[in-house]
């Protein structure tokens, strides 16, 4: 990936109202330490080349960026942000089930389940 492409990508991520509400609910269920955040990562793997990961974390690294909405925080490391810049994190409930979904403008294609993508 060239430096030019990375520099042109937005360096922010949006949280939908639905995602913020679900994260807040999950935080109450986790009973984590004050300052616990949802960490979103991108790693190699999945059926399309890259996959999303979600976990709770109460630590912030030097290369982490924090995005907030309605009192909840999402933390994303700088490398993952290169692939997530401009994305929206949403929480969707339908007849099939419920899940966090990422609308990622950097993804050229994604798998049927939405958990992996290619650039």
Protein backbone atom coordinates (compact mmCIF):
# COMPACT_ATOMS: atom_id res chain seq x y z
CA UNK A 1 0.00 0.00 0.00
CA UNK A 2 1.52 3.31 -1.01
CA UNK A 3 1.88 6.23 1.40
CA UNK A 4 -0.20 8.36 -0.97
CA UNK A 5 -3.19 6.04 -0.71
CA UNK A 6 -2.99 5.93 3.07
CA UNK A 7 -2.71 9.72 3.32
CA UNK A 8 -5.82 10.23 1.16
CA UNK A 9 -8.04 8.01 3.31
CA UNK A 10 -10.10 9.58 6.09
CA UNK A 11 -8.65 8.95 9.55
CA UNK A 12 -11.97 8.67 11.35
CA UNK A 13 -14.63 6.06 12.05
CA UNK A 14 -18.29 6.76 12.79
CA UNK A 15 -20.43 4.92 15.34
CA UNK A 16 -24.14 4.61 14.68
CA UNK A 17 -26.60 5.31 17.48
CA UNK A 18 -27.54 1.62 17.45
CA UNK A 19 -23.89 0.55 17.83
CA UNK A 20 -23.35 2.99 20.72
CA UNK A 21 -26.42 1.65 22.52
CA UNK A 22 -25.32 -1.97 22.05
CA UNK A 23 -21.78 -1.24 23.23
CA UNK A 24 -23.18 0.49 26.34
CA UNK A 25 -25.39 -2.54 27.03
CA UNK A 26 -22.49 -4.97 26.58
CA UNK A 27 -20.35 -2.89 28.93
CA UNK A 28 -22.94 -3.32 31.68
CA UNK A 29 -22.91 -7.08 31.08
CA UNK A 30 -19.11 -7.28 31.13
CA UNK A 31 -18.75 -5.38 34.40
CA UNK A 32 -15.35 -4.28 33.18
CA UNK A 33 -13.03 -1.73 34.70
CA UNK A 34 -13.87 1.94 34.31
CA UNK A 35 -12.55 3.14 30.97
CA UNK A 36 -13.21 -0.16 29.19
CA UNK A 37 -13.57 0.34 25.43
CA UNK A 38 -14.59 -1.77 22.47
CA UNK A 39 -11.46 -2.53 20.46
CA UNK A 40 -11.95 -3.03 16.72
CA UNK A 41 -9.08 -4.59 14.79
CA UNK A 42 -8.31 -5.74 11.28
CA UNK A 43 -6.08 -8.75 10.79
CA UNK A 44 -5.10 -11.00 7.92
CA UNK A 45 -7.39 -13.98 7.39
CA UNK A 46 -11.02 -14.73 6.76
CA UNK A 47 -12.37 -15.81 3.43
CA UNK A 48 -11.67 -12.46 1.72
CA UNK A 49 -8.17 -11.61 2.95
CA UNK A 50 -8.78 -9.41 6.00
CA UNK A 51 -11.10 -9.95 8.95
CA UNK A 52 -12.63 -7.74 11.61
CA UNK A 53 -12.10 -8.44 15.30
CA UNK A 54 -14.02 -7.12 18.32
CA UNK A 55 -12.92 -7.31 21.96
CA UNK A 56 -13.05 -5.28 25.16
CA UNK A 57 -9.91 -3.48 26.31
CA UNK A 58 -9.15 -1.07 29.13
CA UNK A 59 -5.70 -0.08 27.83
CA UNK A 60 -4.74 2.39 25.15
CA UNK A 61 -1.54 1.93 23.18
CA UNK A 62 0.62 4.68 21.72
CA UNK A 63 -0.71 4.07 18.21
CA UNK A 64 -4.40 3.83 19.21
CA UNK A 65 -7.12 6.30 18.25
CA UNK A 66 -10.33 6.60 20.26
CA UNK A 67 -13.72 7.38 18.73
CA UNK A 68 -16.69 8.23 20.97
CA UNK A 69 -20.44 8.52 20.77
CA UNK A 70 -23.07 8.82 23.50
CA UNK A 71 -20.60 8.03 26.28
CA UNK A 72 -19.04 4.90 24.77
CA UNK A 73 -15.57 4.57 23.29
CA UNK A 74 -14.17 2.49 20.45
CA UNK A 75 -10.42 2.13 20.15
CA UNK A 76 -8.66 1.28 16.89
CA UNK A 77 -4.93 0.84 16.35
CA UNK A 78 -3.25 2.91 13.64
CA UNK A 79 -2.62 -0.06 11.31
CA UNK A 80 -6.26 -1.16 11.45
CA UNK A 81 -7.35 2.45 10.95
CA UNK A 82 -5.49 2.47 7.63
CA UNK A 83 -8.05 -0.11 6.45
CA UNK A 84 -11.06 1.28 8.37
CA UNK A 85 -10.77 5.01 7.71
CA UNK A 86 -14.15 6.47 6.76
CA UNK A 87 -16.08 3.38 7.90
CA UNK A 88 -19.26 3.28 9.96
CA UNK A 89 -19.72 0.74 12.75
CA UNK A 90 -23.37 -0.23 13.13
CA UNK A 91 -25.34 -2.78 15.14
CA UNK A 92 -28.10 -4.50 13.19
CA UNK A 93 -30.92 -6.72 14.43
CA UNK A 94 -33.03 -8.68 11.97
CA UNK A 95 -34.85 -12.02 11.68
CA UNK A 96 -31.59 -13.89 11.11
CA UNK A 97 -29.88 -12.50 14.21
CA UNK A 98 -27.96 -9.49 15.45
CA UNK A 99 -24.40 -8.37 14.87
CA UNK A 100 -22.02 -5.47 14.56
CA UNK A 101 -21.56 -4.56 10.91
CA UNK A 102 -18.91 -2.37 9.39
CA UNK A 103 -19.71 -0.33 6.32
CA UNK A 104 -16.19 0.06 5.03
CA UNK A 105 -15.65 2.28 1.96
CA UNK A 106 -12.13 0.84 1.59
CA UNK A 107 -13.41 -2.72 1.02
CA UNK A 108 -13.52 -3.73 -2.63
CA UNK A 109 -15.41 -6.91 -1.77
CA UNK A 110 -16.56 -8.79 1.31
CA UNK A 111 -17.74 -12.26 2.21
CA UNK A 112 -21.39 -13.16 2.63
CA UNK A 113 -21.28 -12.94 6.43
CA UNK A 114 -19.61 -9.51 6.39
CA UNK A 115 -16.79 -10.53 8.74
CA UNK A 116 -14.03 -10.36 6.16
CA UNK A 117 -13.14 -8.15 3.21
CA UNK A 118 -10.53 -7.41 0.57
CA UNK A 119 -9.00 -4.12 -0.54
